[in-house]
Amino acid sequence: MKTVRSRDGVDLHVAVHDFTDPWRKAPILLLQHGFGRSGKFWFNLIPYLARFYRVICPDLRGIGQSAFQDGMKSLSLNSYLSDLAEIADAFDAERIHIAGESQGGILALAFAARKPERVRTASVFSPPLFIDDNARRRLACGHPTWEEAILTLGSKAWAAATITDVRFPPDADPAMLEWHATETGKSDTAVLAAMAREIQTWSLVPELGRIEAPVLAFYPSGGTIAATEQQSVLMNTVKDVQLIRLPARYHMVQALEPAKCASHLLHFIALHDGVVCRE
């Protein structure tokens, strides 16, 4: 574990997973979690990835074990991207591989667009390019807005209310669903609601054409958060992009198919890194 101090004085928690050969300085692979989650949620991909890369998993400011600075400015896209740069610096990495899921995928693509000199490859799991009306309706789960749903229900109950509509199939392991809701429920309700309000102001569309790094994008074939139309914009705008559609209609493809996603991810990075990711 490492604590990184942000430019505005926020302590950011970063979990480190490194099972690479000790005589080889393996490249950094940064895994950025999605909305309301934390670095813990990468647990089922880490065993596949950390044998070949130094895997670091930051908690976003205000989430998990990272601190929070009061004020909406602290949750801005610029603040999150500055945090990513500070974390890369703390690990002496001029360039990193970055992967992100959902909100973390938005951040990975935005970081690749605004800091092209820092990114070797970018891999993303189900990131929306913007929050459309369908996503707003589903995430509001019957309340007037997504933000009001979180404030009314609280973090855990909101997670439980959306988990089998958006993230996982209803016949998934009940213990797994409970774990996901409980871990999301550890997020401060006010912070999570503020994050929901902030994310709805973001759009990746103007950023995509500036991405120079190769991009690998995973999406469910029938997802409810990132519509097929948004995927088409991604494919038609990013210069070097590969799309993998997994047969599912649920958002958390990396959790549903960890071995398959890790295999594709390692192969993709290896093509651009010259690192053999098999033994």
Protein backbone atom coordinates (compact mmCIF):
# COMPACT_ATOMS: atom_id res chain seq x y z
CA MET A 1 0.00 0.00 0.00
CA LYS A 2 1.16 3.53 -0.76
CA THR A 3 -0.31 6.91 0.15
CA VAL A 4 0.08 9.63 -2.45
CA ARG A 5 -0.52 13.29 -1.60
CA SER A 6 -2.46 15.14 -4.32
CA ARG A 7 -1.61 18.65 -5.43
CA ASP A 8 -4.39 20.07 -3.29
CA GLY A 9 -3.41 18.07 -0.21
CA VAL A 10 -5.69 15.02 -0.40
CA ASP A 11 -4.21 11.68 0.72
CA LEU A 12 -4.91 9.06 -1.94
CA HIS A 13 -4.78 5.37 -1.05
CA VAL A 14 -3.12 3.14 -3.66
CA ALA A 15 -2.98 -0.65 -3.28
CA VAL A 16 0.07 -2.25 -4.92
CA HIS A 17 0.08 -5.82 -6.31
CA ASP A 18 3.41 -7.00 -7.74
CA PHE A 19 4.29 -10.64 -8.38
CA THR A 20 6.65 -9.91 -11.25
CA ASP A 21 10.21 -11.22 -11.42
CA PRO A 22 12.20 -9.18 -8.86
CA TRP A 23 15.13 -8.66 -11.24
CA ARG A 24 12.90 -7.05 -13.89
CA LYS A 25 11.41 -3.59 -13.52
CA ALA A 26 7.99 -4.42 -14.90
CA PRO A 27 5.80 -1.63 -16.30
CA ILE A 28 3.02 -0.07 -14.25
CA LEU A 29 -0.59 -1.05 -14.97
CA LEU A 30 -3.00 1.30 -13.18
CA LEU A 31 -6.51 -0.04 -12.59
CA GLN A 32 -9.13 2.64 -11.88
CA HIS A 33 -12.39 1.55 -10.30
CA GLY A 34 -15.87 2.79 -11.17
CA PHE A 35 -18.62 4.75 -9.44
CA GLY A 36 -19.00 4.10 -5.72
CA ARG A 37 -16.53 1.26 -5.77
CA SER A 38 -12.89 1.06 -4.67
CA GLY A 39 -9.65 -0.64 -5.62
CA LYS A 40 -10.91 -3.78 -3.83
CA PHE A 41 -13.26 -4.47 -6.74
CA TRP A 42 -10.38 -5.56 -8.98
CA PHE A 43 -9.74 -8.63 -6.80
CA ASN A 44 -10.58 -11.20 -9.49
CA LEU A 45 -8.43 -9.67 -12.25
CA ILE A 46 -5.36 -8.95 -10.13
CA PRO A 47 -4.14 -12.60 -9.94
CA TYR A 48 -3.95 -12.76 -13.74
CA LEU A 49 -2.34 -9.35 -14.24
CA ALA A 50 0.09 -8.91 -11.35
CA ARG A 51 2.42 -11.72 -12.47
CA PHE A 52 3.44 -9.62 -15.48
CA TYR A 53 2.82 -5.99 -14.45
CA ARG A 54 3.15 -3.91 -11.32
CA VAL A 55 -0.54 -3.41 -10.73
CA ILE A 56 -1.62 -0.34 -8.76
CA CYS A 57 -5.22 0.27 -7.72
CA PRO A 58 -6.01 3.79 -6.48
CA ASP A 59 -9.15 4.68 -4.55
CA LEU A 60 -10.69 7.84 -6.00
CA ARG A 61 -10.65 10.81 -3.63
CA GLY A 62 -13.59 10.52 -1.24
CA ILE A 63 -13.97 6.77 -1.87
CA GLY A 64 -12.52 3.69 -0.18
CA GLN A 65 -9.50 4.63 1.94
CA SER A 66 -8.74 7.89 0.13
CA ALA A 67 -9.48 11.16 1.87
CA PHE A 68 -11.97 13.78 0.71
CA GLN A 69 -11.66 17.53 0.44
CA ASP A 70 -14.93 19.39 0.87
CA GLY A 71 -16.38 21.15 -2.12
CA MET A 72 -17.57 20.14 -5.59
CA LYS A 73 -14.31 21.37 -7.12
CA SER A 74 -12.58 18.48 -5.39
CA LEU A 75 -14.68 16.00 -7.40
CA SER A 76 -14.10 17.61 -10.79
CA LEU A 77 -12.73 15.79 -13.80
CA ASN A 78 -9.62 17.99 -13.62
CA SER A 79 -8.99 16.95 -10.00
CA TYR A 80 -9.30 13.26 -10.80
CA LEU A 81 -6.92 13.53 -13.77
CA SER A 82 -4.42 15.50 -11.70
CA ASP A 83 -4.58 12.72 -9.09
CA LEU A 84 -3.74 10.12 -11.75
CA ALA A 85 -0.69 12.11 -12.84
CA GLU A 86 0.47 12.48 -9.23
CA ILE A 87 0.08 8.73 -8.68
CA ALA A 88 2.10 7.91 -11.80
CA ASP A 89 4.80 10.32 -10.60
CA ALA A 90 4.85 8.68 -7.18
CA PHE A 91 5.73 5.37 -8.84
CA ASP A 92 8.42 6.99 -11.02
CA ALA A 93 6.47 6.03 -14.14
CA GLU A 94 6.79 8.45 -17.04
CA ARG A 95 4.29 6.37 -18.99
CA ILE A 96 1.74 3.86 -17.72
CA HIS A 97 -0.74 1.35 -18.97
CA ILE A 98 -4.12 2.39 -17.64
CA ALA A 99 -7.37 0.45 -17.42
CA GLY A 100 -10.66 1.57 -15.95
CA GLU A 101 -14.18 0.32 -15.48
CA SER A 102 -17.29 2.48 -15.92
CA GLN A 103 -16.43 5.87 -14.35
CA GLY A 104 -12.83 4.67 -14.16
CA GLY A 105 -12.98 4.00 -17.90
CA ILE A 106 -14.10 7.58 -18.48
CA LEU A 107 -11.09 8.76 -16.49
CA ALA A 108 -8.72 6.43 -18.36
CA LEU A 109 -9.83 7.78 -21.74
CA ALA A 110 -9.79 11.40 -20.58
CA PHE A 111 -6.29 10.91 -19.12
CA ALA A 112 -5.11 9.39 -22.41
CA ALA A 113 -6.60 12.36 -24.29
CA ARG A 114 -5.16 15.10 -22.09
CA LYS A 115 -1.88 13.45 -21.12
CA PRO A 116 -0.93 11.47 -24.26
CA GLU A 117 2.74 11.47 -23.31
CA ARG A 118 1.91 9.57 -20.08
CA VAL A 119 -0.11 6.66 -21.54
CA ARG A 120 1.25 3.55 -23.26
CA THR A 121 -2.13 1.81 -23.65
CA ALA A 122 -5.65 2.45 -22.36
CA SER A 123 -8.14 -0.36 -21.72
CA VAL A 124 -11.71 0.31 -20.64
CA PHE A 125 -14.65 -1.73 -19.42
CA SER A 126 -18.16 -0.42 -20.22
CA PRO A 127 -17.43 3.31 -20.00
CA PRO A 128 -20.25 5.62 -21.09
CA LEU A 129 -19.10 8.58 -23.15
CA PHE A 130 -21.75 10.60 -21.34
CA ILE A 131 -24.72 9.80 -19.10
CA ASP A 132 -27.76 9.60 -21.38
CA ASP A 133 -31.45 9.71 -20.41
CA ASN A 134 -31.76 5.93 -20.24
CA ALA A 135 -28.82 5.67 -17.83
CA ARG A 136 -30.22 8.52 -15.72
CA ARG A 137 -33.60 6.76 -15.47
CA ARG A 138 -32.09 3.41 -14.48
CA LEU A 139 -29.69 4.90 -11.94
CA ALA A 140 -32.51 6.98 -10.42
CA CYS A 141 -34.42 3.70 -9.76
CA GLY A 142 -37.82 5.39 -9.53
CA HIS A 143 -36.70 8.64 -7.89
CA PRO A 144 -36.70 12.04 -9.63
CA THR A 145 -32.93 12.00 -10.17
CA TRP A 146 -29.90 9.73 -9.69
CA GLU A 147 -28.57 12.09 -7.03
CA GLU A 148 -31.88 12.11 -5.11
CA ALA A 149 -32.04 8.31 -5.22
CA ILE A 150 -28.67 8.08 -3.47
CA LEU A 151 -29.55 10.73 -0.89
CA THR A 152 -32.94 9.14 -0.15
CA LEU A 153 -31.89 5.49 -0.06
CA GLY A 154 -28.32 5.78 1.17
CA SER A 155 -25.31 4.28 -0.56
CA LYS A 156 -25.93 0.60 0.23
CA ALA A 157 -29.67 0.57 -0.47
CA TRP A 158 -29.11 2.49 -3.71
CA ALA A 159 -26.48 -0.05 -4.77
CA ALA A 160 -28.82 -2.92 -3.91
CA ALA A 161 -31.68 -1.29 -5.83
CA THR A 162 -29.65 -0.98 -9.03
CA ILE A 163 -27.38 -4.00 -8.85
CA THR A 164 -29.51 -6.59 -10.69
CA ASP A 165 -31.00 -4.10 -13.12
CA VAL A 166 -27.71 -2.63 -14.25
CA ARG A 167 -24.65 -4.52 -13.02
CA PHE A 168 -25.32 -8.24 -12.58
CA PRO A 169 -27.92 -10.83 -13.61
CA PRO A 170 -30.64 -11.49 -11.01
CA ASP A 171 -29.58 -15.15 -10.67
CA ALA A 172 -26.02 -14.19 -9.66
CA ASP A 173 -24.62 -15.54 -6.39
CA PRO A 174 -26.58 -13.74 -3.62
CA ALA A 175 -23.45 -13.59 -1.45
CA MET A 176 -21.58 -11.83 -4.25
CA LEU A 177 -24.41 -9.34 -4.73
CA GLU A 178 -24.49 -8.64 -0.98
CA TRP A 179 -20.71 -8.10 -0.93
CA HIS A 180 -20.90 -5.60 -3.80
CA ALA A 181 -23.77 -3.69 -2.18
CA THR A 182 -22.05 -3.68 1.24
CA GLU A 183 -18.74 -2.43 -0.15
CA THR A 184 -20.49 0.30 -2.18
CA GLY A 185 -22.44 1.13 0.96
CA LYS A 186 -19.19 2.12 2.67
CA SER A 187 -19.07 5.20 0.44
CA ASP A 188 -20.31 8.38 2.10
CA THR A 189 -23.82 9.10 0.83
CA ALA A 190 -23.27 12.84 0.36
CA VAL A 191 -20.01 12.28 -1.51
CA LEU A 192 -21.58 9.65 -3.75
CA ALA A 193 -24.53 11.92 -4.54
CA ALA A 194 -22.15 14.80 -5.34
CA MET A 195 -20.16 12.48 -7.62
CA ALA A 196 -23.36 11.49 -9.43
CA ARG A 197 -24.22 15.15 -10.00
CA GLU A 198 -20.71 15.91 -11.25
CA ILE A 199 -20.42 12.95 -13.63
CA GLN A 200 -23.59 14.00 -15.43
CA THR A 201 -21.77 17.15 -16.60
CA TRP A 202 -19.01 15.15 -18.31
CA SER A 203 -18.77 14.21 -21.98
CA LEU A 204 -15.88 12.32 -23.53
CA VAL A 205 -16.98 13.04 -27.09
CA PRO A 206 -14.81 16.17 -27.54
CA GLU A 207 -11.80 14.35 -26.02
CA LEU A 208 -11.70 11.17 -28.11
CA GLY A 209 -9.94 12.52 -31.18
CA ARG A 210 -6.95 13.56 -29.07
CA ILE A 211 -6.16 10.03 -27.88
CA GLU A 212 -2.89 8.74 -29.33
CA ALA A 213 -2.46 5.56 -27.30
CA PRO A 214 -3.93 2.26 -28.49
CA VAL A 215 -7.29 1.62 -26.85
CA LEU A 216 -9.00 -1.68 -26.01
CA ALA A 217 -12.69 -1.36 -25.17
CA PHE A 218 -14.82 -4.08 -23.56
CA TYR A 219 -18.61 -3.74 -23.65
CA PRO A 220 -21.53 -6.05 -22.96
CA SER A 221 -23.41 -6.92 -26.15
CA GLY A 222 -26.67 -5.61 -24.67
CA GLY A 223 -25.58 -3.12 -22.03
CA THR A 224 -27.94 -0.62 -20.43
CA ILE A 225 -25.51 2.15 -19.43
CA ALA A 226 -23.28 2.69 -22.48
CA ALA A 227 -25.54 2.43 -25.51
CA THR A 228 -24.44 0.94 -28.82
CA GLU A 229 -24.59 4.42 -30.36
CA GLN A 230 -21.94 5.62 -27.91
CA GLN A 231 -19.76 2.63 -28.74
CA SER A 232 -20.00 3.57 -32.43
CA VAL A 233 -18.80 7.10 -31.64
CA LEU A 234 -15.83 5.64 -29.77
CA MET A 235 -14.95 3.32 -32.65
CA ASN A 236 -15.30 6.05 -35.28
CA THR A 237 -13.34 8.73 -33.40
CA VAL A 238 -10.39 7.10 -31.61
CA LYS A 239 -7.46 6.56 -33.97
CA ASP A 240 -6.36 3.12 -32.76
CA VAL A 241 -9.11 1.17 -31.02
CA GLN A 242 -10.23 -2.43 -30.71
CA LEU A 243 -13.70 -3.40 -29.48
CA ILE A 244 -14.57 -6.63 -27.69
CA ARG A 245 -18.26 -7.28 -27.09
CA LEU A 246 -18.96 -9.88 -24.44
CA PRO A 247 -22.30 -11.75 -24.53
CA ALA A 248 -24.13 -10.06 -21.65
CA ARG A 249 -26.56 -7.25 -20.99
CA TYR A 250 -24.99 -6.34 -17.66
CA HIS A 251 -22.51 -3.57 -17.00
CA MET A 252 -19.81 -5.30 -14.93
CA VAL A 253 -18.24 -7.37 -17.70
CA GLN A 254 -14.83 -7.48 -15.99
CA ALA A 255 -16.42 -9.05 -12.90
CA LEU A 256 -18.58 -11.47 -14.89
CA GLU A 257 -15.74 -12.67 -17.17
CA PRO A 258 -12.47 -11.95 -15.31
CA ALA A 259 -10.32 -14.65 -16.92
CA LYS A 260 -11.45 -13.79 -20.44
CA CYS A 261 -11.03 -10.04 -19.88
CA ALA A 262 -7.59 -10.49 -18.32
CA SER A 263 -6.45 -12.71 -21.20
CA HIS A 264 -7.52 -10.15 -23.79
CA LEU A 265 -6.00 -7.31 -21.76
CA LEU A 266 -2.63 -9.02 -21.34
CA HIS A 267 -2.47 -9.93 -25.03
CA PHE A 268 -3.35 -6.37 -26.05
CA ILE A 269 -0.75 -4.76 -23.79
CA ALA A 270 1.90 -7.30 -24.80
CA LEU A 271 1.41 -6.46 -28.48
CA HIS A 272 2.40 -2.87 -27.73
CA ASP A 273 4.90 -3.57 -24.96
CA GLY A 274 6.91 -6.46 -26.31
CA VAL A 275 6.39 -8.28 -22.98
CA VAL A 276 5.55 -11.98 -23.10
CA CYS A 277 2.57 -12.46 -20.79
CA ARG A 278 2.50 -16.23 -20.51
CA GLU A 279 4.57 -18.92 -18.83
